[in-house]
């Protein structure tokens, strides 16, 4: 009886390890493809600014296919422009004074971020506003009150 239970535990553990390895392999592949997507986006910007309509159409089509393939595989784009800054999904590379929007609002995204499931593969690189009104904290964001001893 004990041997049977140990065998079941072994089978379950090896199945979990195989699934975890598949997830790591997929994450590595996606991480390696992110610079290619960045290059496509820079090429699209260049072609749009320099009147290269034919090139622009072709590159946009390939870029769209690649992004759709990654999205169907569970990859999500992190593009937080206009949202509250979230240090878990974005990296602030600069700040800009703007009193018209709440403090710590993402003003510009220099490089999109990507995540797969709950794991952030690459945080977005952003500019964050300062000098505006303080952002109201949501109830789940408020720090717990620690009783004094």
N, C-alpha and C. Protein backbone atom coordinates (compact mmCIF):
# COMPACT_ATOMS: atom_id res chain seq x y z
N UNK A 1 0.82 -1.19 0.00
CA UNK A 1 0.00 0.00 0.00
C UNK A 1 0.86 1.26 0.00
N UNK A 2 1.90 1.26 0.84
CA UNK A 2 2.78 2.43 0.91
C UNK A 2 3.53 2.63 -0.40
N UNK A 3 3.95 1.54 -1.01
CA UNK A 3 4.65 1.63 -2.29
C UNK A 3 3.75 2.26 -3.35
N UNK A 4 2.48 1.91 -3.35
CA UNK A 4 1.53 2.49 -4.30
C UNK A 4 1.38 4.00 -4.07
N UNK A 5 1.31 4.42 -2.82
CA UNK A 5 1.19 5.85 -2.50
C UNK A 5 2.44 6.61 -2.92
N UNK A 6 3.61 6.00 -2.69
CA UNK A 6 4.86 6.65 -3.10
C UNK A 6 4.93 6.77 -4.62
N UNK A 7 4.47 5.74 -5.33
CA UNK A 7 4.46 5.76 -6.79
C UNK A 7 3.54 6.88 -7.31
N UNK A 8 2.36 7.02 -6.71
CA UNK A 8 1.44 8.08 -7.10
C UNK A 8 2.05 9.46 -6.85
N UNK A 9 2.71 9.61 -5.72
CA UNK A 9 3.36 10.88 -5.40
C UNK A 9 4.46 11.19 -6.41
N UNK A 10 5.25 10.17 -6.76
CA UNK A 10 6.32 10.34 -7.74
C UNK A 10 5.75 10.76 -9.10
N UNK A 11 4.69 10.10 -9.55
CA UNK A 11 4.08 10.43 -10.85
C UNK A 11 3.54 11.86 -10.84
N UNK A 12 2.87 12.25 -9.77
CA UNK A 12 2.33 13.60 -9.67
C UNK A 12 3.45 14.64 -9.69
N UNK A 13 4.51 14.38 -8.92
CA UNK A 13 5.62 15.32 -8.84
C UNK A 13 6.33 15.48 -10.18
N UNK A 14 6.56 14.37 -10.89
CA UNK A 14 7.22 14.47 -12.19
C UNK A 14 6.33 15.17 -13.22
N UNK A 15 5.03 14.96 -13.14
CA UNK A 15 4.11 15.66 -14.05
C UNK A 15 4.15 17.17 -13.78
N UNK A 16 4.18 17.55 -12.51
CA UNK A 16 4.27 18.98 -12.16
C UNK A 16 5.58 19.57 -12.65
N UNK A 17 6.67 18.81 -12.52
CA UNK A 17 7.97 19.30 -12.97
C UNK A 17 8.00 19.48 -14.49
N UNK A 18 7.37 18.56 -15.22
CA UNK A 18 7.30 18.70 -16.69
C UNK A 18 6.52 19.94 -17.07
N UNK A 19 5.40 20.20 -16.40
CA UNK A 19 4.60 21.39 -16.70
C UNK A 19 5.38 22.66 -16.39
N UNK A 20 6.10 22.67 -15.27
CA UNK A 20 6.89 23.85 -14.91
C UNK A 20 8.00 24.08 -15.93
N UNK A 21 8.61 23.02 -16.42
CA UNK A 21 9.67 23.14 -17.43
C UNK A 21 9.11 23.67 -18.74
N UNK A 22 7.92 23.22 -19.12
CA UNK A 22 7.27 23.74 -20.34
C UNK A 22 7.02 25.24 -20.20
N UNK A 23 6.55 25.66 -19.04
CA UNK A 23 6.28 27.09 -18.82
C UNK A 23 7.57 27.90 -18.89
N UNK A 24 8.65 27.39 -18.29
CA UNK A 24 9.94 28.10 -18.35
C UNK A 24 10.44 28.20 -19.78
N UNK A 25 10.28 27.14 -20.56
CA UNK A 25 10.72 27.15 -21.96
C UNK A 25 9.93 28.17 -22.77
N UNK A 26 8.62 28.23 -22.55
CA UNK A 26 7.78 29.20 -23.26
C UNK A 26 8.17 30.63 -22.86
N UNK A 27 8.41 30.86 -21.58
CA UNK A 27 8.81 32.19 -21.12
C UNK A 27 10.14 32.60 -21.74
N UNK A 28 11.08 31.66 -21.84
CA UNK A 28 12.39 31.96 -22.43
C UNK A 28 12.23 32.32 -23.91
N UNK A 29 11.41 31.57 -24.63
CA UNK A 29 11.18 31.85 -26.05
C UNK A 29 10.59 33.25 -26.22
N UNK A 30 9.58 33.56 -25.44
CA UNK A 30 8.94 34.88 -25.55
C UNK A 30 9.94 35.98 -25.21
N UNK A 31 10.71 35.80 -24.15
CA UNK A 31 11.71 36.80 -23.76
C UNK A 31 12.71 37.03 -24.89
N UNK A 32 13.10 35.98 -25.59
CA UNK A 32 14.03 36.12 -26.71
C UNK A 32 13.39 36.81 -27.91
N UNK A 33 12.07 36.73 -28.04
CA UNK A 33 11.37 37.37 -29.16
C UNK A 33 11.07 38.86 -28.92
N UNK A 34 11.10 39.31 -27.68
CA UNK A 34 10.74 40.69 -27.38
C UNK A 34 11.62 41.72 -28.10
N UNK A 35 12.94 41.54 -28.21
CA UNK A 35 13.74 42.50 -28.98
C UNK A 35 13.34 42.56 -30.46
N UNK A 36 12.87 41.45 -31.01
CA UNK A 36 12.41 41.43 -32.40
C UNK A 36 11.17 42.31 -32.54
N UNK A 37 10.25 42.21 -31.60
CA UNK A 37 9.05 43.05 -31.62
C UNK A 37 9.45 44.52 -31.50
N UNK A 38 10.41 44.81 -30.61
CA UNK A 38 10.88 46.20 -30.47
C UNK A 38 11.44 46.72 -31.78
N UNK A 39 12.23 45.90 -32.48
CA UNK A 39 12.79 46.31 -33.77
C UNK A 39 11.69 46.57 -34.80
N UNK A 40 10.67 45.72 -34.82
CA UNK A 40 9.54 45.95 -35.73
C UNK A 40 8.88 47.29 -35.43
N UNK A 41 8.67 47.58 -34.16
CA UNK A 41 8.01 48.83 -33.79
C UNK A 41 8.85 50.05 -34.17
N UNK A 42 10.18 49.96 -34.01
CA UNK A 42 11.05 51.06 -34.43
C UNK A 42 11.02 51.23 -35.95
N UNK A 43 10.99 50.11 -36.68
CA UNK A 43 10.92 50.17 -38.14
C UNK A 43 9.60 50.80 -38.59
N UNK A 44 8.51 50.44 -37.93
CA UNK A 44 7.20 51.03 -38.25
C UNK A 44 7.24 52.54 -38.03
N UNK A 45 7.80 52.97 -36.91
CA UNK A 45 7.90 54.41 -36.63
C UNK A 45 8.75 55.12 -37.69
N UNK A 46 9.88 54.51 -38.06
CA UNK A 46 10.75 55.11 -39.08
C UNK A 46 10.03 55.22 -40.42
N UNK A 47 9.39 54.13 -40.84
CA UNK A 47 8.71 54.13 -42.13
C UNK A 47 7.56 55.13 -42.15
N UNK A 48 6.85 55.26 -41.05
CA UNK A 48 5.73 56.21 -40.98
C UNK A 48 6.23 57.65 -41.06
N UNK A 49 7.38 57.92 -40.47
CA UNK A 49 7.92 59.28 -40.45
C UNK A 49 8.68 59.65 -41.72
N UNK A 50 9.04 58.67 -42.54
CA UNK A 50 9.85 58.95 -43.73
C UNK A 50 9.15 58.58 -45.03
N UNK A 51 7.85 58.44 -45.01
CA UNK A 51 7.09 58.23 -46.23
C UNK A 51 7.33 56.90 -46.93
N UNK A 52 7.63 55.89 -46.20
CA UNK A 52 7.87 54.56 -46.78
C UNK A 52 6.60 53.72 -46.65
N UNK A 53 5.57 54.07 -47.40
CA UNK A 53 4.26 53.43 -47.26
C UNK A 53 4.29 51.93 -47.55
N UNK A 54 4.97 51.51 -48.60
CA UNK A 54 5.03 50.09 -48.95
C UNK A 54 5.71 49.27 -47.87
N UNK A 55 6.85 49.78 -47.42
CA UNK A 55 7.58 49.11 -46.34
C UNK A 55 6.74 49.08 -45.07
N UNK A 56 6.09 50.19 -44.79
CA UNK A 56 5.28 50.31 -43.59
C UNK A 56 4.17 49.26 -43.56
N UNK A 57 3.47 49.08 -44.66
CA UNK A 57 2.38 48.09 -44.71
C UNK A 57 2.89 46.68 -44.46
N UNK A 58 4.00 46.32 -45.08
CA UNK A 58 4.56 44.98 -44.90
C UNK A 58 5.03 44.72 -43.49
N UNK A 59 5.74 45.67 -42.94
CA UNK A 59 6.26 45.51 -41.58
C UNK A 59 5.12 45.46 -40.57
N UNK A 60 4.10 46.30 -40.76
CA UNK A 60 2.95 46.27 -39.85
C UNK A 60 2.26 44.92 -39.89
N UNK A 61 2.14 44.32 -41.07
CA UNK A 61 1.48 43.02 -41.19
C UNK A 61 2.27 41.94 -40.44
N UNK A 62 3.60 41.93 -40.60
CA UNK A 62 4.43 40.93 -39.92
C UNK A 62 4.39 41.17 -38.41
N UNK A 63 4.49 42.42 -37.99
CA UNK A 63 4.44 42.76 -36.57
C UNK A 63 3.12 42.30 -35.95
N UNK A 64 2.04 42.57 -36.65
CA UNK A 64 0.71 42.20 -36.16
C UNK A 64 0.59 40.68 -36.00
N UNK A 65 1.10 39.94 -36.97
CA UNK A 65 1.06 38.48 -36.90
C UNK A 65 1.85 37.97 -35.70
N UNK A 66 3.03 38.53 -35.49
CA UNK A 66 3.88 38.09 -34.39
C UNK A 66 3.22 38.40 -33.05
N UNK A 67 2.67 39.59 -32.90
CA UNK A 67 2.01 39.97 -31.64
C UNK A 67 0.78 39.09 -31.41
N UNK A 68 0.00 38.84 -32.46
CA UNK A 68 -1.19 37.98 -32.31
C UNK A 68 -0.81 36.56 -31.92
N UNK A 69 0.30 36.06 -32.46
CA UNK A 69 0.77 34.72 -32.10
C UNK A 69 1.14 34.67 -30.63
N UNK A 70 1.86 35.67 -30.16
CA UNK A 70 2.25 35.70 -28.75
C UNK A 70 1.03 35.86 -27.85
N UNK A 71 0.10 36.71 -28.25
CA UNK A 71 -1.12 36.92 -27.46
C UNK A 71 -1.92 35.63 -27.35
N UNK A 72 -2.02 34.89 -28.44
CA UNK A 72 -2.76 33.63 -28.39
C UNK A 72 -2.05 32.60 -27.53
N UNK A 73 -0.75 32.80 -27.30
CA UNK A 73 0.02 31.91 -26.43
C UNK A 73 0.02 32.34 -24.98
N UNK A 74 -0.77 33.37 -24.64
CA UNK A 74 -0.88 33.78 -23.24
C UNK A 74 -0.05 34.98 -22.85
N UNK A 75 0.58 35.64 -23.81
CA UNK A 75 1.40 36.81 -23.51
C UNK A 75 0.50 38.05 -23.52
N UNK A 76 0.67 38.92 -22.52
CA UNK A 76 -0.09 40.16 -22.45
C UNK A 76 0.87 41.35 -22.55
N UNK A 77 0.47 42.37 -23.30
CA UNK A 77 1.25 43.59 -23.43
C UNK A 77 0.96 44.48 -22.22
N UNK A 78 2.02 45.05 -21.66
CA UNK A 78 1.87 46.02 -20.57
C UNK A 78 2.11 47.40 -21.19
N UNK A 79 1.05 48.16 -21.36
CA UNK A 79 1.12 49.51 -21.94
C UNK A 79 0.33 50.44 -21.03
N UNK A 80 0.97 50.94 -19.94
CA UNK A 80 0.23 51.62 -18.89
C UNK A 80 0.02 53.13 -19.07
N UNK A 81 0.15 53.66 -20.27
CA UNK A 81 0.02 55.12 -20.46
C UNK A 81 -1.31 55.62 -19.89
N UNK A 82 -1.22 56.63 -19.02
CA UNK A 82 -2.41 57.21 -18.41
C UNK A 82 -2.86 56.51 -17.13
N UNK A 83 -2.27 55.37 -16.83
CA UNK A 83 -2.65 54.62 -15.62
C UNK A 83 -1.77 55.03 -14.44
N UNK A 84 -2.17 54.61 -13.26
CA UNK A 84 -1.34 54.82 -12.07
C UNK A 84 -0.08 53.97 -12.21
N UNK A 85 1.05 54.51 -11.80
CA UNK A 85 2.32 53.79 -11.88
C UNK A 85 2.27 52.56 -10.98
N UNK A 86 2.66 51.42 -11.51
CA UNK A 86 2.72 50.17 -10.76
C UNK A 86 4.14 49.62 -10.89
N UNK A 87 4.89 49.68 -9.81
CA UNK A 87 6.30 49.27 -9.84
C UNK A 87 6.48 47.79 -10.15
N UNK A 88 5.43 46.99 -10.02
CA UNK A 88 5.54 45.57 -10.33
C UNK A 88 5.50 45.32 -11.83
N UNK A 89 4.94 46.27 -12.60
CA UNK A 89 4.80 46.08 -14.05
C UNK A 89 5.54 47.12 -14.87
N UNK A 90 6.10 48.13 -14.23
CA UNK A 90 6.77 49.19 -14.98
C UNK A 90 8.00 49.68 -14.24
N UNK A 91 8.94 50.21 -15.02
CA UNK A 91 10.16 50.78 -14.48
C UNK A 91 10.19 52.25 -14.87
N UNK A 92 10.22 53.13 -13.89
CA UNK A 92 10.25 54.56 -14.17
C UNK A 92 11.67 54.95 -14.57
N UNK A 93 11.82 55.52 -15.77
CA UNK A 93 13.14 55.94 -16.23
C UNK A 93 13.29 57.46 -16.18
N UNK A 94 12.18 58.17 -15.97
CA UNK A 94 12.22 59.63 -15.87
C UNK A 94 10.94 60.11 -15.21
N UNK A 95 10.99 61.36 -14.74
CA UNK A 95 9.79 62.00 -14.21
C UNK A 95 9.56 63.30 -14.97
N UNK A 96 8.32 63.73 -14.99
CA UNK A 96 7.96 64.99 -15.65
C UNK A 96 6.96 65.71 -14.76
N UNK A 97 7.14 67.02 -14.58
CA UNK A 97 6.20 67.81 -13.79
C UNK A 97 4.93 68.03 -14.58
N UNK A 98 3.79 67.70 -13.99
CA UNK A 98 2.49 67.92 -14.63
C UNK A 98 1.44 68.01 -13.53
N UNK A 99 1.03 69.23 -13.22
CA UNK A 99 0.07 69.45 -12.14
C UNK A 99 -1.36 69.11 -12.55
N UNK A 100 -1.58 68.83 -13.84
CA UNK A 100 -2.95 68.58 -14.32
C UNK A 100 -3.41 67.14 -14.12
N UNK A 101 -2.50 66.24 -13.79
CA UNK A 101 -2.87 64.84 -13.58
C UNK A 101 -2.38 64.40 -12.20
N UNK A 102 -2.99 63.38 -11.63
CA UNK A 102 -2.55 62.91 -10.31
C UNK A 102 -1.08 62.48 -10.31
N UNK A 103 -0.47 62.64 -9.16
CA UNK A 103 0.91 62.22 -8.96
C UNK A 103 1.07 60.74 -9.34
N UNK A 104 2.22 60.39 -9.85
CA UNK A 104 2.57 59.00 -10.20
C UNK A 104 1.64 58.41 -11.26
N UNK A 105 1.32 59.22 -12.27
CA UNK A 105 0.58 58.74 -13.43
C UNK A 105 1.60 58.51 -14.54
N UNK A 106 1.44 57.44 -15.30
CA UNK A 106 2.36 57.15 -16.40
C UNK A 106 2.06 58.13 -17.53
N UNK A 107 3.05 58.99 -17.84
CA UNK A 107 2.87 60.01 -18.87
C UNK A 107 3.23 59.48 -20.25
N UNK A 108 4.28 58.68 -20.32
CA UNK A 108 4.74 58.17 -21.61
C UNK A 108 5.36 56.79 -21.42
N UNK A 109 5.17 55.94 -22.42
CA UNK A 109 5.76 54.60 -22.40
C UNK A 109 6.86 54.58 -23.45
N UNK A 110 8.11 54.39 -23.01
CA UNK A 110 9.23 54.31 -23.94
C UNK A 110 9.33 52.93 -24.56
N UNK A 111 9.07 51.92 -23.75
CA UNK A 111 9.15 50.54 -24.22
C UNK A 111 8.06 49.75 -23.51
N UNK A 112 7.24 49.07 -24.29
CA UNK A 112 6.15 48.28 -23.70
C UNK A 112 6.73 47.13 -22.88
N UNK A 113 5.96 46.72 -21.90
CA UNK A 113 6.33 45.56 -21.11
C UNK A 113 5.49 44.37 -21.54
N UNK A 114 5.86 43.20 -21.07
CA UNK A 114 5.13 41.98 -21.42
C UNK A 114 5.07 41.08 -20.20
N UNK A 115 3.94 40.38 -20.08
CA UNK A 115 3.81 39.40 -19.01
C UNK A 115 3.12 38.16 -19.56
N UNK A 116 3.37 37.07 -18.89
CA UNK A 116 2.79 35.78 -19.27
C UNK A 116 2.19 35.21 -18.01
N UNK A 117 0.86 35.18 -17.96
CA UNK A 117 0.20 34.79 -16.73
C UNK A 117 0.47 35.85 -15.68
N UNK A 118 0.90 35.44 -14.52
CA UNK A 118 1.19 36.39 -13.45
C UNK A 118 2.64 36.87 -13.48
N UNK A 119 3.48 36.26 -14.34
CA UNK A 119 4.90 36.58 -14.37
C UNK A 119 5.19 37.71 -15.36
N UNK A 120 5.84 38.76 -14.88
CA UNK A 120 6.26 39.86 -15.75
C UNK A 120 7.56 39.43 -16.42
N UNK A 121 7.51 39.33 -17.76
CA UNK A 121 8.70 38.94 -18.51
C UNK A 121 9.64 40.13 -18.69
N UNK A 122 9.05 41.30 -18.91
CA UNK A 122 9.82 42.53 -19.00
C UNK A 122 8.92 43.69 -18.60
N UNK A 123 9.35 44.50 -17.61
CA UNK A 123 8.52 45.64 -17.22
C UNK A 123 8.56 46.72 -18.30
N UNK A 124 7.50 47.51 -18.37
CA UNK A 124 7.46 48.63 -19.30
C UNK A 124 8.40 49.72 -18.79
N UNK A 125 9.05 50.44 -19.70
CA UNK A 125 9.90 51.57 -19.33
C UNK A 125 9.07 52.83 -19.55
N UNK A 126 8.88 53.62 -18.48
CA UNK A 126 7.92 54.71 -18.52
C UNK A 126 8.45 56.00 -17.91
N UNK A 127 7.77 57.10 -18.24
CA UNK A 127 7.95 58.39 -17.59
C UNK A 127 6.75 58.58 -16.66
N UNK A 128 7.01 59.04 -15.45
CA UNK A 128 5.97 59.19 -14.43
C UNK A 128 5.82 60.67 -14.07
N UNK A 129 4.58 61.10 -13.86
CA UNK A 129 4.32 62.51 -13.51
C UNK A 129 4.56 62.76 -12.03
N UNK A 130 4.92 64.00 -11.74
CA UNK A 130 5.04 64.48 -10.36
C UNK A 130 4.40 65.86 -10.29
N UNK A 131 4.13 66.33 -9.10
CA UNK A 131 3.62 67.68 -8.91
C UNK A 131 2.12 67.83 -8.98
N UNK A 132 1.41 66.77 -9.29
CA UNK A 132 -0.05 66.84 -9.35
C UNK A 132 -0.66 66.50 -8.01
N UNK A 133 -1.98 66.46 -7.96
CA UNK A 133 -2.63 66.07 -6.70
C UNK A 133 -2.28 64.63 -6.33
N UNK A 134 -2.22 64.39 -5.04
CA UNK A 134 -1.90 63.03 -4.57
C UNK A 134 -3.02 62.08 -4.96
N UNK A 135 -2.64 60.90 -5.33
CA UNK A 135 -3.58 59.86 -5.72
C UNK A 135 -4.25 59.29 -4.47
N UNK A 136 -5.56 59.11 -4.52
CA UNK A 136 -6.27 58.51 -3.39
C UNK A 136 -5.99 57.02 -3.37
N UNK A 137 -5.69 56.52 -2.18
CA UNK A 137 -5.41 55.09 -2.06
C UNK A 137 -6.71 54.32 -2.00
N UNK A 138 -6.71 53.18 -2.67
CA UNK A 138 -7.87 52.28 -2.59
C UNK A 138 -7.78 51.54 -1.26
N UNK A 139 -8.90 51.04 -0.75
CA UNK A 139 -8.88 50.34 0.54
C UNK A 139 -7.87 49.19 0.60
N UNK A 140 -7.68 48.46 -0.50
CA UNK A 140 -6.75 47.34 -0.47
C UNK A 140 -5.30 47.80 -0.54
N UNK A 141 -5.05 49.08 -0.86
CA UNK A 141 -3.69 49.60 -0.94
C UNK A 141 -3.23 50.20 0.38
N UNK A 142 -4.17 50.51 1.25
CA UNK A 142 -3.80 51.16 2.50
C UNK A 142 -2.99 50.21 3.36
N UNK A 143 -1.98 50.78 4.00
CA UNK A 143 -1.12 49.95 4.85
C UNK A 143 -1.87 49.55 6.10
N UNK A 144 -1.57 48.36 6.56
CA UNK A 144 -2.21 47.89 7.78
C UNK A 144 -1.66 48.67 8.96
N UNK A 145 -2.54 49.01 9.87
CA UNK A 145 -2.13 49.71 11.07
C UNK A 145 -1.54 48.70 12.04
N UNK A 146 -0.29 48.92 12.40
CA UNK A 146 0.38 48.03 13.34
C UNK A 146 0.22 48.63 14.73
N UNK A 147 -0.37 47.89 15.67
CA UNK A 147 -0.55 48.44 17.01
C UNK A 147 0.79 48.70 17.68
N UNK A 148 0.89 49.83 18.41
CA UNK A 148 2.13 50.13 19.12
C UNK A 148 2.22 49.28 20.37
N UNK A 149 3.43 48.92 20.64
CA UNK A 149 3.66 48.07 21.81
C UNK A 149 4.28 48.88 22.91
